[in-house]
Amino acid sequence: MRTVGIVLAGGQSHRFGEPKALQHWKGKSFLTYSIDALQPSVDEIVVISHLKELVHLPGVVVREDLEEYSGMGPLAGILTGMEASAGDWYIVLPCDVPLVTNEIIMKIVGRVEENVDAVVPIVAGRIQPLFACYHKSVKEKLGLLLQEGKRSMKELLSLCTVAYVREERLGIDTQAFVNVNTKEDYMNLP
């Protein structure tokens, strides 16, 4: 089974005010935390970003969204990652979760099973589709949605057989799922 990590680092960061992927915390960029958490569990990592500063990022493939879907959000980013590197399963992470660890990723990957298209955690009652695993079969569904101009992760999940896993079943610290969307969120990191 070939597993590819996809890190979504292409957002506009409007609420944060500057690119979150480049933001440093405890000596490392946010993006580096996501890459480091994925590294032990994947065969390759693809970072989806328009940031010129990331073009020569060592040890990973950096891609901008596929031209025809440029700026169409996470669905475009995930499809771009799938097009950039062939895999059986894709672990998707955002770049703004600096508390993520490989242990948490492995617990989610451990829920992969036959006959599911995705493994998606539910944390504090919220579905986490950007911190999840997707089977290669999802690629076709992504393409169809984007061709129809649809951008919703919920629409994608409605087309998939999803194994939803609640945080208590994973036995994880929910802090790892904290997204840093604002400077206030950043200041409140532990």
N, C-alpha and C. Protein backbone atom coordinates (compact mmCIF):
# COMPACT_ATOMS: atom_id res chain seq x y z
N MET A 1 0.85 -1.19 0.00
CA MET A 1 0.00 0.00 0.00
C MET A 1 0.89 1.24 0.00
N ARG A 2 0.76 2.05 -1.03
CA ARG A 2 1.54 3.30 -1.10
C ARG A 2 0.71 4.43 -0.53
N THR A 3 1.30 5.13 0.43
CA THR A 3 0.60 6.22 1.11
C THR A 3 1.31 7.54 0.83
N VAL A 4 0.52 8.54 0.49
CA VAL A 4 1.05 9.87 0.18
C VAL A 4 0.44 10.87 1.16
N GLY A 5 1.26 11.76 1.68
CA GLY A 5 0.77 12.86 2.51
C GLY A 5 0.52 14.08 1.66
N ILE A 6 -0.60 14.73 1.88
CA ILE A 6 -0.91 15.99 1.19
C ILE A 6 -1.09 17.06 2.25
N VAL A 7 -0.26 18.10 2.19
CA VAL A 7 -0.39 19.22 3.12
C VAL A 7 -0.98 20.40 2.36
N LEU A 8 -2.11 20.87 2.84
CA LEU A 8 -2.79 22.01 2.20
C LEU A 8 -2.25 23.31 2.80
N ALA A 9 -1.50 24.05 1.99
CA ALA A 9 -0.89 25.29 2.46
C ALA A 9 -1.17 26.42 1.47
N GLY A 10 -2.33 26.35 0.83
CA GLY A 10 -2.62 27.31 -0.22
C GLY A 10 -3.65 28.35 0.12
N GLY A 11 -4.13 28.35 1.35
CA GLY A 11 -5.18 29.30 1.72
C GLY A 11 -4.69 30.73 1.70
N GLN A 12 -5.62 31.65 1.71
CA GLN A 12 -5.29 33.08 1.65
C GLN A 12 -4.89 33.67 2.99
N SER A 13 -5.21 32.97 4.10
CA SER A 13 -4.85 33.43 5.45
C SER A 13 -5.37 34.83 5.76
N HIS A 14 -6.58 35.15 5.28
CA HIS A 14 -7.14 36.48 5.49
C HIS A 14 -7.27 36.82 6.97
N ARG A 15 -7.81 35.90 7.75
CA ARG A 15 -8.01 36.20 9.17
C ARG A 15 -6.69 36.28 9.94
N PHE A 16 -5.68 35.56 9.47
CA PHE A 16 -4.38 35.57 10.15
C PHE A 16 -3.55 36.78 9.74
N GLY A 17 -3.71 37.23 8.50
CA GLY A 17 -3.02 38.44 8.04
C GLY A 17 -1.70 38.20 7.34
N GLU A 18 -1.21 36.98 7.32
CA GLU A 18 0.02 36.61 6.62
C GLU A 18 -0.01 35.10 6.39
N PRO A 19 0.82 34.57 5.51
CA PRO A 19 0.77 33.14 5.23
C PRO A 19 1.02 32.28 6.46
N LYS A 20 0.05 31.47 6.82
CA LYS A 20 0.19 30.63 8.02
C LYS A 20 1.27 29.57 7.86
N ALA A 21 1.46 29.07 6.67
CA ALA A 21 2.46 28.02 6.45
C ALA A 21 3.84 28.47 6.89
N LEU A 22 4.12 29.77 6.77
CA LEU A 22 5.44 30.31 7.11
C LEU A 22 5.55 30.78 8.56
N GLN A 23 4.44 30.82 9.27
CA GLN A 23 4.45 31.29 10.66
C GLN A 23 5.29 30.35 11.53
N HIS A 24 6.14 30.92 12.37
CA HIS A 24 6.98 30.11 13.26
C HIS A 24 6.39 30.03 14.66
N TRP A 25 6.58 28.88 15.26
CA TRP A 25 6.18 28.62 16.65
C TRP A 25 7.19 27.64 17.23
N LYS A 26 7.77 28.01 18.33
CA LYS A 26 8.78 27.17 19.00
C LYS A 26 9.88 26.73 18.03
N GLY A 27 10.32 27.67 17.19
CA GLY A 27 11.48 27.43 16.34
C GLY A 27 11.23 26.74 15.01
N LYS A 28 9.98 26.40 14.70
CA LYS A 28 9.68 25.73 13.43
C LYS A 28 8.47 26.38 12.79
N SER A 29 8.42 26.30 11.46
CA SER A 29 7.24 26.84 10.76
C SER A 29 6.06 25.90 10.97
N PHE A 30 4.86 26.43 10.87
CA PHE A 30 3.66 25.60 10.97
C PHE A 30 3.72 24.46 9.95
N LEU A 31 4.14 24.79 8.73
CA LEU A 31 4.22 23.79 7.68
C LEU A 31 5.15 22.64 8.09
N THR A 32 6.25 22.97 8.72
CA THR A 32 7.21 21.95 9.14
C THR A 32 6.59 20.98 10.14
N TYR A 33 5.72 21.47 11.02
CA TYR A 33 5.05 20.56 11.97
C TYR A 33 4.21 19.52 11.23
N SER A 34 3.48 19.95 10.21
CA SER A 34 2.66 19.01 9.44
C SER A 34 3.54 18.01 8.69
N ILE A 35 4.60 18.50 8.08
CA ILE A 35 5.51 17.62 7.33
C ILE A 35 6.16 16.61 8.27
N ASP A 36 6.65 17.08 9.42
CA ASP A 36 7.31 16.18 10.37
C ASP A 36 6.36 15.12 10.91
N ALA A 37 5.10 15.47 11.11
CA ALA A 37 4.12 14.51 11.61
C ALA A 37 3.82 13.44 10.56
N LEU A 38 3.81 13.82 9.29
CA LEU A 38 3.51 12.88 8.20
C LEU A 38 4.69 11.98 7.84
N GLN A 39 5.88 12.52 7.88
CA GLN A 39 7.08 11.87 7.35
C GLN A 39 7.21 10.38 7.68
N PRO A 40 7.05 9.96 8.95
CA PRO A 40 7.25 8.53 9.25
C PRO A 40 6.17 7.61 8.67
N SER A 41 5.06 8.15 8.22
CA SER A 41 3.91 7.33 7.83
C SER A 41 3.64 7.29 6.33
N VAL A 42 4.40 8.03 5.55
CA VAL A 42 4.08 8.13 4.12
C VAL A 42 5.30 7.85 3.26
N ASP A 43 5.03 7.53 2.00
CA ASP A 43 6.09 7.30 1.03
C ASP A 43 6.56 8.60 0.38
N GLU A 44 5.66 9.59 0.36
CA GLU A 44 5.98 10.87 -0.26
C GLU A 44 5.05 11.94 0.32
N ILE A 45 5.52 13.18 0.32
CA ILE A 45 4.69 14.30 0.78
C ILE A 45 4.58 15.32 -0.34
N VAL A 46 3.34 15.75 -0.58
CA VAL A 46 3.08 16.80 -1.57
C VAL A 46 2.48 17.99 -0.82
N VAL A 47 3.10 19.14 -0.95
CA VAL A 47 2.60 20.38 -0.35
C VAL A 47 1.92 21.17 -1.45
N ILE A 48 0.68 21.57 -1.19
CA ILE A 48 -0.08 22.35 -2.16
C ILE A 48 -0.04 23.81 -1.71
N SER A 49 0.64 24.64 -2.50
CA SER A 49 0.80 26.04 -2.10
C SER A 49 1.17 26.90 -3.30
N HIS A 50 0.79 28.15 -3.22
CA HIS A 50 1.17 29.14 -4.24
C HIS A 50 2.34 29.99 -3.76
N LEU A 51 2.83 29.72 -2.54
CA LEU A 51 3.89 30.53 -1.95
C LEU A 51 5.23 30.25 -2.62
N LYS A 52 5.82 31.26 -3.18
CA LYS A 52 7.10 31.11 -3.89
C LYS A 52 8.21 30.68 -2.92
N GLU A 53 8.09 31.02 -1.64
CA GLU A 53 9.11 30.66 -0.65
C GLU A 53 9.23 29.15 -0.46
N LEU A 54 8.22 28.40 -0.88
CA LEU A 54 8.22 26.95 -0.65
C LEU A 54 8.68 26.15 -1.85
N VAL A 55 8.98 26.79 -2.96
CA VAL A 55 9.30 26.09 -4.19
C VAL A 55 10.44 25.08 -4.01
N HIS A 56 11.43 25.42 -3.23
CA HIS A 56 12.60 24.55 -3.06
C HIS A 56 12.61 23.86 -1.70
N LEU A 57 11.47 23.56 -1.18
CA LEU A 57 11.37 22.88 0.12
C LEU A 57 11.99 21.48 0.00
N PRO A 58 13.02 21.18 0.79
CA PRO A 58 13.71 19.89 0.63
C PRO A 58 12.85 18.70 1.09
N GLY A 59 12.93 17.62 0.32
CA GLY A 59 12.29 16.37 0.72
C GLY A 59 10.81 16.26 0.43
N VAL A 60 10.23 17.27 -0.18
CA VAL A 60 8.81 17.21 -0.50
C VAL A 60 8.58 17.75 -1.91
N VAL A 61 7.44 17.39 -2.47
CA VAL A 61 7.03 17.92 -3.77
C VAL A 61 6.11 19.11 -3.48
N VAL A 62 6.35 20.24 -4.11
CA VAL A 62 5.50 21.42 -3.93
C VAL A 62 4.79 21.68 -5.25
N ARG A 63 3.45 21.81 -5.16
CA ARG A 63 2.65 22.05 -6.36
C ARG A 63 1.62 23.16 -6.10
N GLU A 64 1.37 23.94 -7.13
CA GLU A 64 0.23 24.86 -7.09
C GLU A 64 -0.98 24.09 -7.58
N ASP A 65 -2.18 24.58 -7.23
CA ASP A 65 -3.40 23.93 -7.71
C ASP A 65 -3.33 23.72 -9.21
N LEU A 66 -3.95 22.63 -9.67
CA LEU A 66 -4.09 22.42 -11.10
C LEU A 66 -4.71 23.68 -11.70
N GLU A 67 -4.18 24.10 -12.82
CA GLU A 67 -4.58 25.38 -13.40
C GLU A 67 -6.09 25.54 -13.56
N GLU A 68 -6.76 24.50 -14.03
CA GLU A 68 -8.20 24.62 -14.28
C GLU A 68 -9.01 24.74 -12.99
N TYR A 69 -8.39 24.41 -11.84
CA TYR A 69 -9.11 24.48 -10.56
C TYR A 69 -8.46 25.46 -9.59
N SER A 70 -7.58 26.29 -10.08
CA SER A 70 -6.85 27.23 -9.23
C SER A 70 -7.81 28.10 -8.41
N GLY A 71 -7.54 28.16 -7.12
CA GLY A 71 -8.35 28.99 -6.23
C GLY A 71 -9.67 28.39 -5.81
N MET A 72 -9.88 27.11 -6.11
CA MET A 72 -11.17 26.47 -5.79
C MET A 72 -11.15 25.73 -4.46
N GLY A 73 -10.21 26.09 -3.58
CA GLY A 73 -10.24 25.58 -2.21
C GLY A 73 -9.66 24.19 -2.01
N PRO A 74 -9.99 23.60 -0.86
CA PRO A 74 -9.40 22.32 -0.47
C PRO A 74 -9.65 21.17 -1.44
N LEU A 75 -10.82 21.13 -2.08
CA LEU A 75 -11.07 20.06 -3.04
C LEU A 75 -10.02 20.10 -4.15
N ALA A 76 -9.72 21.29 -4.64
CA ALA A 76 -8.71 21.45 -5.70
C ALA A 76 -7.34 21.05 -5.18
N GLY A 77 -7.03 21.41 -3.94
CA GLY A 77 -5.75 21.05 -3.35
C GLY A 77 -5.57 19.55 -3.21
N ILE A 78 -6.60 18.87 -2.76
CA ILE A 78 -6.53 17.42 -2.59
C ILE A 78 -6.38 16.74 -3.95
N LEU A 79 -7.17 17.17 -4.94
CA LEU A 79 -7.06 16.59 -6.27
C LEU A 79 -5.67 16.85 -6.85
N THR A 80 -5.14 18.03 -6.66
CA THR A 80 -3.80 18.35 -7.15
C THR A 80 -2.77 17.41 -6.53
N GLY A 81 -2.89 17.17 -5.23
CA GLY A 81 -1.97 16.26 -4.56
C GLY A 81 -2.07 14.84 -5.10
N MET A 82 -3.29 14.41 -5.36
CA MET A 82 -3.50 13.06 -5.90
C MET A 82 -2.94 12.95 -7.32
N GLU A 83 -3.06 14.02 -8.10
CA GLU A 83 -2.52 14.02 -9.46
C GLU A 83 -0.98 14.06 -9.44
N ALA A 84 -0.41 14.71 -8.42
CA ALA A 84 1.04 14.88 -8.35
C ALA A 84 1.76 13.60 -7.96
N SER A 85 1.10 12.72 -7.21
CA SER A 85 1.77 11.52 -6.72
C SER A 85 0.77 10.37 -6.60
N ALA A 86 1.06 9.28 -7.29
CA ALA A 86 0.17 8.11 -7.25
C ALA A 86 0.28 7.43 -5.89
N GLY A 87 -0.87 7.11 -5.32
CA GLY A 87 -0.91 6.40 -4.05
C GLY A 87 -2.18 5.59 -3.95
N ASP A 88 -2.20 4.71 -2.96
CA ASP A 88 -3.42 3.96 -2.65
C ASP A 88 -4.27 4.75 -1.67
N TRP A 89 -3.59 5.36 -0.70
CA TRP A 89 -4.26 6.19 0.32
C TRP A 89 -3.52 7.51 0.44
N TYR A 90 -4.27 8.55 0.76
CA TYR A 90 -3.72 9.89 0.93
C TYR A 90 -4.10 10.40 2.32
N ILE A 91 -3.11 10.85 3.06
CA ILE A 91 -3.36 11.46 4.36
C ILE A 91 -3.32 12.97 4.13
N VAL A 92 -4.43 13.63 4.39
CA VAL A 92 -4.54 15.06 4.16
C VAL A 92 -4.44 15.80 5.49
N LEU A 93 -3.62 16.84 5.51
CA LEU A 93 -3.48 17.70 6.68
C LEU A 93 -3.46 19.16 6.23
N PRO A 94 -3.99 20.05 7.07
CA PRO A 94 -3.80 21.47 6.79
C PRO A 94 -2.42 21.88 7.31
N CYS A 95 -1.96 23.06 6.94
CA CYS A 95 -0.64 23.52 7.39
C CYS A 95 -0.72 24.26 8.72
N ASP A 96 -1.93 24.45 9.24
CA ASP A 96 -2.07 25.32 10.43
C ASP A 96 -2.45 24.55 11.70
N VAL A 97 -1.90 23.34 11.83
CA VAL A 97 -2.16 22.52 13.02
C VAL A 97 -0.82 22.14 13.66
N PRO A 98 -0.14 23.10 14.30
CA PRO A 98 1.22 22.84 14.79
C PRO A 98 1.30 21.82 15.94
N LEU A 99 0.17 21.42 16.50
CA LEU A 99 0.20 20.45 17.58
C LEU A 99 0.02 19.01 17.09
N VAL A 100 -0.06 18.82 15.78
CA VAL A 100 -0.24 17.49 15.21
C VAL A 100 0.99 16.62 15.48
N THR A 101 0.75 15.33 15.67
CA THR A 101 1.85 14.38 15.88
C THR A 101 1.65 13.16 14.99
N ASN A 102 2.73 12.43 14.77
CA ASN A 102 2.63 11.21 13.98
C ASN A 102 1.76 10.18 14.70
N GLU A 103 1.79 10.16 16.01
CA GLU A 103 0.97 9.21 16.76
C GLU A 103 -0.52 9.37 16.41
N ILE A 104 -0.97 10.60 16.31
CA ILE A 104 -2.37 10.86 15.98
C ILE A 104 -2.66 10.43 14.54
N ILE A 105 -1.75 10.74 13.64
CA ILE A 105 -1.93 10.32 12.25
C ILE A 105 -2.03 8.80 12.17
N MET A 106 -1.17 8.10 12.89
CA MET A 106 -1.18 6.63 12.85
C MET A 106 -2.49 6.06 13.41
N LYS A 107 -3.07 6.72 14.38
CA LYS A 107 -4.35 6.24 14.92
C LYS A 107 -5.47 6.40 13.89
N ILE A 108 -5.43 7.46 13.12
CA ILE A 108 -6.43 7.66 12.06
C ILE A 108 -6.18 6.65 10.95
N VAL A 109 -4.94 6.51 10.52
CA VAL A 109 -4.60 5.54 9.48
C VAL A 109 -4.97 4.13 9.92
N GLY A 110 -4.86 3.85 11.19
CA GLY A 110 -5.20 2.54 11.73
C GLY A 110 -6.68 2.19 11.56
N ARG A 111 -7.49 3.16 11.22
CA ARG A 111 -8.93 2.93 11.01
C ARG A 111 -9.27 2.68 9.53
N VAL A 112 -8.25 2.72 8.68
CA VAL A 112 -8.47 2.43 7.26
C VAL A 112 -8.90 0.98 7.12
N GLU A 113 -9.91 0.76 6.31
CA GLU A 113 -10.40 -0.60 6.09
C GLU A 113 -10.92 -0.72 4.66
N GLU A 114 -11.10 -1.97 4.24
CA GLU A 114 -11.66 -2.18 2.91
C GLU A 114 -13.07 -1.61 2.86
N ASN A 115 -13.48 -1.27 1.67
CA ASN A 115 -14.85 -0.80 1.43
C ASN A 115 -15.16 0.57 2.01
N VAL A 116 -14.13 1.36 2.35
CA VAL A 116 -14.37 2.76 2.72
C VAL A 116 -13.52 3.64 1.80
N ASP A 117 -14.05 4.81 1.53
CA ASP A 117 -13.34 5.79 0.70
C ASP A 117 -12.56 6.78 1.54
N ALA A 118 -12.98 6.92 2.80
CA ALA A 118 -12.35 7.93 3.65
C ALA A 118 -12.47 7.55 5.12
N VAL A 119 -11.49 8.00 5.89
CA VAL A 119 -11.54 7.90 7.35
C VAL A 119 -11.44 9.33 7.86
N VAL A 120 -12.51 9.78 8.53
CA VAL A 120 -12.60 11.17 8.95
C VAL A 120 -12.89 11.25 10.44
N PRO A 121 -12.02 11.91 11.20
CA PRO A 121 -12.27 12.05 12.63
C PRO A 121 -13.39 13.07 12.91
N ILE A 122 -14.04 12.85 14.04
CA ILE A 122 -15.00 13.83 14.58
C ILE A 122 -14.45 14.25 15.93
N VAL A 123 -14.14 15.53 16.06
CA VAL A 123 -13.52 16.05 17.28
C VAL A 123 -14.38 17.17 17.83
N ALA A 124 -14.74 17.05 19.10
CA ALA A 124 -15.60 18.03 19.76
C ALA A 124 -16.88 18.25 18.94
N GLY A 125 -17.40 17.16 18.37
CA GLY A 125 -18.64 17.22 17.61
C GLY A 125 -18.51 17.74 16.20
N ARG A 126 -17.28 18.07 15.78
CA ARG A 126 -17.07 18.64 14.44
C ARG A 126 -16.32 17.66 13.55
N ILE A 127 -16.83 17.49 12.34
CA ILE A 127 -16.17 16.64 11.34
C ILE A 127 -14.89 17.34 10.89
N GLN A 128 -13.81 16.57 10.73
CA GLN A 128 -12.51 17.12 10.36
C GLN A 128 -12.06 16.59 8.99
N PRO A 129 -12.70 17.00 7.90
CA PRO A 129 -12.38 16.44 6.59
C PRO A 129 -11.02 16.85 6.04
N LEU A 130 -10.39 17.86 6.63
CA LEU A 130 -9.06 18.28 6.17
C LEU A 130 -7.94 17.70 7.02
N PHE A 131 -8.30 16.76 7.88
CA PHE A 131 -7.35 16.07 8.77
C PHE A 131 -7.76 14.61 8.70
N ALA A 132 -7.65 14.01 7.51
CA ALA A 132 -8.30 12.73 7.26
C ALA A 132 -7.53 11.91 6.23
N CYS A 133 -7.99 10.68 6.00
CA CYS A 133 -7.41 9.78 5.00
C CYS A 133 -8.41 9.55 3.88
N TYR A 134 -7.93 9.56 2.65
CA TYR A 134 -8.79 9.35 1.48
C TYR A 134 -8.18 8.29 0.57
N HIS A 135 -9.03 7.39 0.10
CA HIS A 135 -8.62 6.36 -0.83
C HIS A 135 -8.48 6.97 -2.23
N LYS A 136 -7.66 6.35 -3.06
CA LYS A 136 -7.44 6.85 -4.42
C LYS A 136 -8.73 6.94 -5.23
N SER A 137 -9.74 6.16 -4.87
CA SER A 137 -11.02 6.19 -5.60
C SER A 137 -11.74 7.54 -5.47
N VAL A 138 -11.34 8.34 -4.49
CA VAL A 138 -11.96 9.64 -4.26
C VAL A 138 -11.56 10.64 -5.36
N LYS A 139 -10.45 10.37 -6.01
CA LYS A 139 -9.95 11.29 -7.04
C LYS A 139 -11.00 11.58 -8.11
N GLU A 140 -11.68 10.56 -8.57
CA GLU A 140 -12.71 10.74 -9.60
C GLU A 140 -13.85 11.61 -9.09
N LYS A 141 -14.24 11.40 -7.84
CA LYS A 141 -15.32 12.18 -7.24
C LYS A 141 -14.92 13.66 -7.12
N LEU A 142 -13.67 13.89 -6.74
CA LEU A 142 -13.16 15.27 -6.65
C LEU A 142 -13.24 15.95 -8.02
N GLY A 143 -12.79 15.25 -9.04
CA GLY A 143 -12.81 15.81 -10.39
C GLY A 143 -14.21 16.17 -10.85
N LEU A 144 -15.16 15.29 -10.58
CA LEU A 144 -16.55 15.55 -10.98
C LEU A 144 -17.12 16.77 -10.27
N LEU A 145 -16.89 16.85 -8.96
CA LEU A 145 -17.40 18.01 -8.21
C LEU A 145 -16.80 19.31 -8.73
N LEU A 146 -15.49 19.32 -8.92
CA LEU A 146 -14.83 20.54 -9.37
C LEU A 146 -15.28 20.94 -10.78
N GLN A 147 -15.50 19.96 -11.65
CA GLN A 147 -15.99 20.26 -12.99
C GLN A 147 -17.37 20.90 -12.94
N GLU A 148 -18.14 20.57 -11.91
CA GLU A 148 -19.48 21.16 -11.74
C GLU A 148 -19.41 22.47 -10.96
N GLY A 149 -18.20 22.92 -10.60
CA GLY A 149 -18.03 24.17 -9.87
C GLY A 149 -18.34 24.05 -8.39
N LYS A 150 -18.40 22.83 -7.89
CA LYS A 150 -18.71 22.61 -6.48
C LYS A 150 -17.42 22.53 -5.68
N ARG A 151 -17.44 23.13 -4.47
CA ARG A 151 -16.23 23.23 -3.65
C ARG A 151 -16.38 22.65 -2.25
N SER A 152 -17.51 22.12 -1.93
CA SER A 152 -17.83 21.74 -0.56
C SER A 152 -17.26 20.38 -0.16
N MET A 153 -16.54 20.36 0.96
CA MET A 153 -16.05 19.09 1.51
C MET A 153 -17.23 18.21 1.91
N LYS A 154 -18.31 18.82 2.39
CA LYS A 154 -19.49 18.03 2.77
C LYS A 154 -20.08 17.32 1.56
N GLU A 155 -20.09 18.00 0.42
CA GLU A 155 -20.59 17.35 -0.80
C GLU A 155 -19.70 16.18 -1.18
N LEU A 156 -18.39 16.35 -1.03
CA LEU A 156 -17.49 15.24 -1.33
C LEU A 156 -17.79 14.06 -0.41
N LEU A 157 -17.89 14.32 0.88
CA LEU A 157 -18.14 13.24 1.83
C LEU A 157 -19.48 12.55 1.57
N SER A 158 -20.46 13.31 1.08
CA SER A 158 -21.77 12.70 0.79
C SER A 158 -21.69 11.69 -0.36
N LEU A 159 -20.66 11.80 -1.19
CA LEU A 159 -20.46 10.88 -2.30
C LEU A 159 -19.60 9.67 -1.93
N CYS A 160 -19.06 9.69 -0.72
CA CYS A 160 -18.10 8.67 -0.29
C CYS A 160 -18.69 7.76 0.78
N THR A 161 -18.10 6.57 0.88
CA THR A 161 -18.36 5.70 2.03
C THR A 161 -17.32 6.10 3.07
N VAL A 162 -17.78 6.71 4.16
CA VAL A 162 -16.88 7.30 5.14
C VAL A 162 -16.94 6.55 6.46
N ALA A 163 -15.77 6.25 6.99
CA ALA A 163 -15.67 5.73 8.36
C ALA A 163 -15.40 6.95 9.24
N TYR A 164 -16.44 7.40 9.95
CA TYR A 164 -16.27 8.51 10.88
C TYR A 164 -15.81 7.93 12.21
N VAL A 165 -14.79 8.54 12.80
CA VAL A 165 -14.24 8.03 14.05
C VAL A 165 -14.22 9.16 15.07
N ARG A 166 -14.95 8.96 16.15
CA ARG A 166 -14.99 9.96 17.22
C ARG A 166 -13.68 9.97 18.01
N GLU A 167 -13.33 11.13 18.52
CA GLU A 167 -12.06 11.30 19.23
C GLU A 167 -11.87 10.30 20.36
N GLU A 168 -12.96 9.98 21.07
CA GLU A 168 -12.83 9.05 22.19
C GLU A 168 -12.46 7.64 21.73
N ARG A 169 -12.87 7.28 20.51
CA ARG A 169 -12.51 5.96 19.95
C ARG A 169 -11.06 5.93 19.51
N LEU A 170 -10.54 7.11 19.18
CA LEU A 170 -9.13 7.19 18.78
C LEU A 170 -8.21 7.29 19.98
N GLY A 171 -8.76 7.74 21.12
CA GLY A 171 -7.94 7.92 22.31
C GLY A 171 -6.87 8.97 22.10
N ILE A 172 -7.27 10.13 21.59
CA ILE A 172 -6.30 11.17 21.25
C ILE A 172 -6.56 12.46 22.03
N ASP A 173 -5.53 13.28 22.06
CA ASP A 173 -5.64 14.60 22.64
C ASP A 173 -6.22 15.53 21.57
N THR A 174 -7.35 16.11 21.85
CA THR A 174 -8.02 16.96 20.86
C THR A 174 -7.24 18.23 20.54
N GLN A 175 -6.26 18.57 21.36
CA GLN A 175 -5.43 19.76 21.09
C GLN A 175 -4.76 19.68 19.71
N ALA A 176 -4.44 18.46 19.28
CA ALA A 176 -3.75 18.29 18.00
C ALA A 176 -4.56 18.82 16.83
N PHE A 177 -5.86 18.96 17.01
CA PHE A 177 -6.73 19.41 15.92
C PHE A 177 -6.96 20.92 15.94
N VAL A 178 -6.30 21.62 16.85
CA VAL A 178 -6.49 23.06 16.95
C VAL A 178 -5.93 23.73 15.71
N ASN A 179 -6.82 24.40 14.97
CA ASN A 179 -6.42 25.19 13.80
C ASN A 179 -6.08 26.59 14.26
N VAL A 180 -4.99 27.12 13.76
CA VAL A 180 -4.61 28.50 14.06
C VAL A 180 -5.12 29.35 12.92
N ASN A 181 -6.24 30.03 13.15
CA ASN A 181 -6.85 30.85 12.11
C ASN A 181 -6.61 32.34 12.31
N THR A 182 -6.36 32.74 13.55
CA THR A 182 -6.18 34.16 13.87
C THR A 182 -4.94 34.34 14.74
N LYS A 183 -4.50 35.59 14.89
CA LYS A 183 -3.37 35.88 15.77
C LYS A 183 -3.72 35.52 17.21
N GLU A 184 -4.98 35.66 17.57
CA GLU A 184 -5.43 35.28 18.92
C GLU A 184 -5.25 33.77 19.13
N ASP A 185 -5.62 32.97 18.13
CA ASP A 185 -5.41 31.52 18.21
C ASP A 185 -3.92 31.23 18.41
N TYR A 186 -3.09 31.96 17.70
CA TYR A 186 -1.64 31.76 17.78
C TYR A 186 -1.14 32.08 19.20
N MET A 187 -1.62 33.17 19.75
CA MET A 187 -1.20 33.57 21.09
C MET A 187 -1.66 32.58 22.17
N ASN A 188 -2.72 31.82 21.87
CA ASN A 188 -3.26 30.87 22.83
C ASN A 188 -2.69 29.45 22.70
N LEU A 189 -1.75 29.26 21.77
CA LEU A 189 -1.11 27.94 21.67
C LEU A 189 -0.40 27.63 22.99
N PRO A 190 -0.42 26.37 23.42
CA PRO A 190 0.20 26.03 24.71
C PRO A 190 1.72 26.16 24.69
